[in-house]
C-alpha atoms as a PDB file:
ATOM      1  CA  MET A   1       0.017   0.035   0.000  1.00  0.00           C
ATOM      2  CA  SER A   2       1.049   3.597  -0.457  1.00  0.00           C
ATOM      3  CA  ASP A   3       2.175   5.865   2.262  1.00  0.00           C
ATOM      4  CA  PHE A   4      -0.008   8.903   2.399  1.00  0.00           C
ATOM      5  CA  SER A   5       2.150  10.822   4.786  1.00  0.00           C
ATOM      6  CA  THR A   6       4.839  11.431   2.142  1.00  0.00           C
ATOM      7  CA  SER A   7       3.492  13.698  -0.581  1.00  0.00           C
ATOM      8  CA  ASN A   8       5.165  15.914  -3.091  1.00  0.00           C
ATOM      9  CA  GLN A   9       3.312  18.997  -1.764  1.00  0.00           C
ATOM     10  CA  PRO A  10       5.363  21.373   0.405  1.00  0.00           C
ATOM     11  CA  SER A  11       4.104  21.825   3.992  1.00  0.00           C
ATOM     12  CA  PRO A  12       2.908  25.266   5.059  1.00  0.00           C
ATOM     13  CA  SER A  13       6.272  25.964   6.711  1.00  0.00           C
ATOM     14  CA  GLU A  14       8.028  25.282   3.420  1.00  0.00           C
ATOM     15  CA  ALA A  15       5.818  27.506   1.158  1.00  0.00           C
ATOM     16  CA  VAL A  16       7.570  29.160  -1.590  1.00  0.00           C
ATOM     17  CA  PRO A  17       7.655  32.967  -1.353  1.00  0.00           C
ATOM     18  CA  ALA A  18       5.328  34.716  -3.801  1.00  0.00           C
ATOM     19  CA  ARG A  19       7.004  36.648  -6.588  1.00  0.00           C
ATOM     20  CA  SER A  20       5.472  39.890  -7.827  1.00  0.00           C
ATOM     21  CA  GLY A  21       7.841  40.370 -10.896  1.00  0.00           C
ATOM     22  CA  CYS A  22       5.109  39.627 -13.466  1.00  0.00           C
ATOM     23  CA  ALA A  23       2.548  41.629 -11.672  1.00  0.00           C
ATOM     24  CA  LYS A  24       4.733  44.773 -11.448  1.00  0.00           C
ATOM     25  CA  ALA A  25       5.552  44.549 -15.097  1.00  0.00           C
ATOM     26  CA  ALA A  26       1.925  44.267 -16.004  1.00  0.00           C
ATOM     27  CA  LEU A  27       1.080  47.179 -13.620  1.00  0.00           C
ATOM     28  CA  PHE A  28       3.704  49.511 -15.060  1.00  0.00           C
ATOM     29  CA  GLY A  29       2.966  48.401 -18.605  1.00  0.00           C
ATOM     30  CA  CYS A  30      -0.789  48.985 -18.335  1.00  0.00           C
ATOM     31  CA  GLY A  31      -0.205  52.225 -16.395  1.00  0.00           C
ATOM     32  CA  GLY A  32       2.212  53.514 -19.008  1.00  0.00           C
ATOM     33  CA  LEU A  33      -0.361  52.697 -21.749  1.00  0.00           C
ATOM     34  CA  LEU A  34      -3.098  54.457 -19.863  1.00  0.00           C
ATOM     35  CA  VAL A  35      -0.914  57.607 -19.411  1.00  0.00           C
ATOM     36  CA  LEU A  36      -0.051  57.540 -23.133  1.00  0.00           C
ATOM     37  CA  LEU A  37      -3.793  57.173 -23.933  1.00  0.00           C
ATOM     38  CA  LEU A  38      -4.656  60.127 -21.726  1.00  0.00           C
ATOM     39  CA  VAL A  39      -1.966  62.263 -23.342  1.00  0.00           C
ATOM     40  CA  ALA A  40      -3.273  61.344 -26.892  1.00  0.00           C
ATOM     41  CA  VAL A  41      -6.787  62.291 -25.903  1.00  0.00           C
ATOM     42  CA  GLY A  42      -5.571  65.468 -24.405  1.00  0.00           C
ATOM     43  CA  ILE A  43      -3.675  66.385 -27.560  1.00  0.00           C
ATOM     44  CA  PHE A  44      -6.619  65.381 -29.689  1.00  0.00           C
ATOM     45  CA  LEU A  45      -9.058  67.622 -27.714  1.00  0.00           C
ATOM     46  CA  PHE A  46      -6.554  70.411 -27.788  1.00  0.00           C
ATOM     47  CA  LYS A  47      -6.066  70.208 -31.577  1.00  0.00           C
ATOM     48  CA  ILE A  48      -9.488  69.243 -32.554  1.00  0.00           C
ATOM     49  CA  ARG A  49     -10.020  72.432 -34.640  1.00  0.00           C
ATOM     50  CA  GLU A  50      -6.827  71.925 -36.626  1.00  0.00           C
ATOM     51  CA  ILE A  51      -7.626  68.338 -37.156  1.00  0.00           C
ATOM     52  CA  THR A  52     -11.160  69.085 -38.471  1.00  0.00           C
ATOM     53  CA  VAL A  53      -9.898  71.860 -40.743  1.00  0.00           C
ATOM     54  CA  TRP A  54      -7.219  69.554 -42.144  1.00  0.00           C
ATOM     55  CA  THR A  55      -9.650  66.678 -42.688  1.00  0.00           C
ATOM     56  CA  PHE A  56     -12.220  68.816 -44.505  1.00  0.00           C
ATOM     57  CA  GLY A  57      -9.366  70.363 -46.493  1.00  0.00           C
ATOM     58  CA  VAL A  58      -8.112  66.963 -47.691  1.00  0.00           C
ATOM     59  CA  MET A  59     -11.704  66.007 -48.530  1.00  0.00           C
ATOM     60  CA  GLU A  60     -12.210  69.185 -50.511  1.00  0.00           C
ATOM     61  CA  GLN A  61      -8.994  68.685 -52.455  1.00  0.00           C
ATOM     62  CA  GLN A  62      -9.901  65.155 -53.367  1.00  0.00           C
ATOM     63  CA  ILE A  63     -13.380  66.123 -54.468  1.00  0.00           C
ATOM     64  CA  MET A  64     -12.083  69.127 -56.513  1.00  0.00           C
ATOM     65  CA  ALA A  65      -9.640  66.790 -58.299  1.00  0.00           C
ATOM     66  CA  ARG A  66     -12.433  64.414 -59.218  1.00  0.00           C
ATOM     67  CA  LEU A  67     -15.101  66.931 -60.444  1.00  0.00           C
ATOM     68  CA  PRO A  68     -16.710  65.687 -63.639  1.00  0.00           C
ATOM     69  CA  PRO A  69     -15.842  67.447 -66.809  1.00  0.00           C
ATOM     70  CA  GLY A  70     -18.061  70.489 -67.610  1.00  0.00           C
ATOM     71  CA  THR A  71     -18.401  71.468 -63.936  1.00  0.00           C
ATOM     72  CA  SER A  72     -18.725  75.238 -63.898  1.00  0.00           C
ATOM     73  CA  ASP A  73     -16.498  77.665 -62.057  1.00  0.00           C
ATOM     74  CA  GLU A  74     -19.565  78.731 -60.103  1.00  0.00           C
ATOM     75  CA  ASP A  75     -20.165  75.105 -58.813  1.00  0.00           C
ATOM     76  CA  ALA A  76     -16.513  74.758 -57.930  1.00  0.00           C
ATOM     77  CA  LEU A  77     -16.706  77.972 -55.945  1.00  0.00           C
ATOM     78  CA  ARG A  78     -19.966  76.945 -54.230  1.00  0.00           C
ATOM     79  CA  ILE A  79     -18.173  73.685 -53.156  1.00  0.00           C
ATOM     80  CA  ARG A  80     -15.244  75.571 -51.702  1.00  0.00           C
ATOM     81  CA  ARG A  81     -17.596  77.966 -50.056  1.00  0.00           C
ATOM     82  CA  GLY A  82     -19.778  75.099 -48.817  1.00  0.00           C
ATOM     83  CA  PHE A  83     -16.739  73.256 -47.139  1.00  0.00           C
ATOM     84  CA  ASP A  84     -15.624  76.550 -45.450  1.00  0.00           C
ATOM     85  CA  GLY A  85     -19.178  77.060 -44.178  1.00  0.00           C
ATOM     86  CA  VAL A  86     -19.381  73.384 -42.829  1.00  0.00           C
ATOM     87  CA  VAL A  87     -16.127  73.786 -40.836  1.00  0.00           C
ATOM     88  CA  GLU A  88     -17.285  77.157 -39.419  1.00  0.00           C
ATOM     89  CA  ALA A  89     -20.686  75.749 -38.552  1.00  0.00           C
ATOM     90  CA  ILE A  90     -19.133  72.857 -36.724  1.00  0.00           C
ATOM     91  CA  PHE A  91     -17.206  75.172 -34.511  1.00  0.00           C
ATOM     92  CA  ASP A  92     -20.132  77.524 -34.039  1.00  0.00           C
ATOM     93  CA  ASP A  93     -22.213  74.445 -33.208  1.00  0.00           C
ATOM     94  CA  THR A  94     -24.829  75.470 -35.877  1.00  0.00           C
ATOM     95  CA  VAL A  95     -24.185  72.493 -38.328  1.00  0.00           C
ATOM     96  CA  ASP A  96     -27.139  70.569 -39.455  1.00  0.00           C
ATOM     97  CA  PRO A  97     -26.226  66.921 -38.370  1.00  0.00           C
ATOM     98  CA  GLN A  98     -28.800  65.465 -40.639  1.00  0.00           C
ATOM     99  CA  ALA A  99     -27.439  66.989 -43.712  1.00  0.00           C
ATOM    100  CA  LEU A 100     -23.957  66.211 -42.566  1.00  0.00           C
ATOM    101  CA  GLN A 101     -24.986  62.568 -42.300  1.00  0.00           C
ATOM    102  CA  GLN A 102     -26.544  62.717 -45.735  1.00  0.00           C
ATOM    103  CA  LEU A 103     -23.317  64.260 -47.096  1.00  0.00           C
ATOM    104  CA  ARG A 104     -21.381  61.058 -46.291  1.00  0.00           C
ATOM    105  CA  PRO A 105     -22.531  58.782 -49.240  1.00  0.00           C
ATOM    106  CA  VAL A 106     -22.045  61.637 -51.695  1.00  0.00           C
ATOM    107  CA  VAL A 107     -18.477  62.284 -50.572  1.00  0.00           C
ATOM    108  CA  LEU A 108     -17.874  58.499 -50.647  1.00  0.00           C
ATOM    109  CA  ARG A 109     -19.061  58.611 -54.320  1.00  0.00           C
ATOM    110  CA  PHE A 110     -16.400  61.078 -55.176  1.00  0.00           C
ATOM    111  CA  ALA A 111     -13.823  58.948 -53.272  1.00  0.00           C
ATOM    112  CA  ASP A 112     -14.550  55.767 -55.006  1.00  0.00           C
ATOM    113  CA  PRO A 113     -12.144  55.180 -57.887  1.00  0.00           C
ATOM    114  CA  GLN A 114     -14.420  52.608 -59.382  1.00  0.00           C
ATOM    115  CA  LYS A 115     -17.200  55.299 -59.867  1.00  0.00           C
ATOM    116  CA  SER A 116     -17.033  58.660 -61.800  1.00  0.00           C
ATOM    117  CA  PRO A 117     -19.039  61.380 -60.215  1.00  0.00           C
ATOM    118  CA  ARG A 118     -21.823  62.740 -62.216  1.00  0.00           C
ATOM    119  CA  PRO A 119     -23.104  66.251 -62.556  1.00  0.00           C
ATOM    120  CA  GLU A 120     -26.043  65.194 -60.370  1.00  0.00           C
ATOM    121  CA  ASP A 121     -23.453  64.262 -57.627  1.00  0.00           C
ATOM    122  CA  VAL A 122     -22.051  67.770 -57.876  1.00  0.00           C
ATOM    123  CA  GLU A 123     -25.530  69.344 -57.445  1.00  0.00           C
ATOM    124  CA  ARG A 124     -26.261  67.151 -54.486  1.00  0.00           C
ATOM    125  CA  LEU A 125     -22.934  67.821 -52.947  1.00  0.00           C
ATOM    126  CA  ILE A 126     -23.459  71.600 -53.193  1.00  0.00           C
ATOM    127  CA  GLU A 127     -26.987  71.352 -51.790  1.00  0.00           C
ATOM    128  CA  LEU A 128     -25.949  69.268 -48.785  1.00  0.00           C
ATOM    129  CA  LEU A 129     -22.922  71.452 -48.049  1.00  0.00           C
ATOM    130  CA  GLU A 130     -25.026  74.578 -48.171  1.00  0.00           C
ATOM    131  CA  GLN A 131     -27.695  72.952 -46.063  1.00  0.00           C
ATOM    132  CA  ALA A 132     -25.252  71.451 -43.394  1.00  0.00           C
ATOM    133  CA  SER A 133     -23.509  74.853 -43.085  1.00  0.00           C
ATOM    134  CA  GLY A 134     -26.705  76.966 -43.079  1.00  0.00           C
ATOM    135  CA  LEU A 135     -25.422  78.967 -45.969  1.00  0.00           C
ATOM    136  CA  PRO A 136     -28.067  80.393 -48.284  1.00  0.00           C
ATOM    137  CA  PRO A 137     -27.553  79.544 -51.983  1.00  0.00           C
ATOM    138  CA  PRO A 138     -25.912  82.440 -53.813  1.00  0.00           C
ATOM    139  CA  PRO A 139     -28.379  84.700 -55.708  1.00  0.00           C
ATOM    140  CA  ALA A 140     -28.868  83.680 -59.313  1.00  0.00           C
ATOM    141  CA  LEU A 141     -26.838  85.663 -61.855  1.00  0.00           C
ATOM    142  CA  PRO A 142     -28.775  87.497 -64.672  1.00  0.00           C
ATOM    143  CA  GLU A 143     -28.834  85.611 -68.024  1.00  0.00           C
ATOM    144  CA  GLY A 144     -25.581  86.053 -70.013  1.00  0.00           C
ATOM    145  CA  VAL A 145     -23.464  87.078 -66.956  1.00  0.00           C
ATOM    146  CA  SER A 146     -20.880  84.791 -65.726  1.00  0.00           C
ATOM    147  CA  GLU A 147     -19.306  84.527 -62.179  1.00  0.00           C
ATOM    148  CA  ARG A 148     -16.068  86.091 -63.389  1.00  0.00           C
ATOM    149  CA  SER A 149     -17.772  89.111 -65.124  1.00  0.00           C
ATOM    150  CA  ALA A 150     -20.148  89.803 -62.295  1.00  0.00           C
ATOM    151  CA  PRO A 151     -19.430  92.824 -60.140  1.00  0.00           C
ATOM    152  CA  GLN A 152     -17.922  91.864 -56.679  1.00  0.00           C
ATOM    153  CA  PRO A 153     -19.611  93.248 -53.649  1.00  0.00           C
ATOM    154  CA  GLY A 154     -17.694  96.174 -52.123  1.00  0.00           C
ATOM    155  CA  LEU A 155     -15.729  96.746 -55.370  1.00  0.00           C
ATOM    156  CA  SER A 156     -16.507  99.689 -57.636  1.00  0.00           C
ATOM    157  CA  ALA A 157     -15.787  99.659 -61.223  1.00  0.00           C
END
């Protein structure tokens, strides 16, 4: 028969001291990551304006580069004005969130290299940019007058 008094388990008086090396490394590692995360969030919140302006600037450049042939100078000007208005409206907290949400698929259409933007996409983009920013559409020019030949406000001929 086997002797139960001799086992391989240490007696309580012979217990192995607990090591905390792995726990300390995990604590310092997780703590360090938490500090880095907090610093990153702080920088993001501090630089949110610059990040937003940069993001909308990149979007605007990509869209302007992919405008369909035949897009008028007036439409290109309205797109630029619309992007500027949306950025301003975001910081003034006057942006129309529903129009901004509807803007997403239109912007993605311009970003998709498999699809060519259509003139209808340009009109929808302008409409949504002006709606999101709260900008009124520019007044219609008289027949036969182009954007370049129209008198500028505040300038006398």
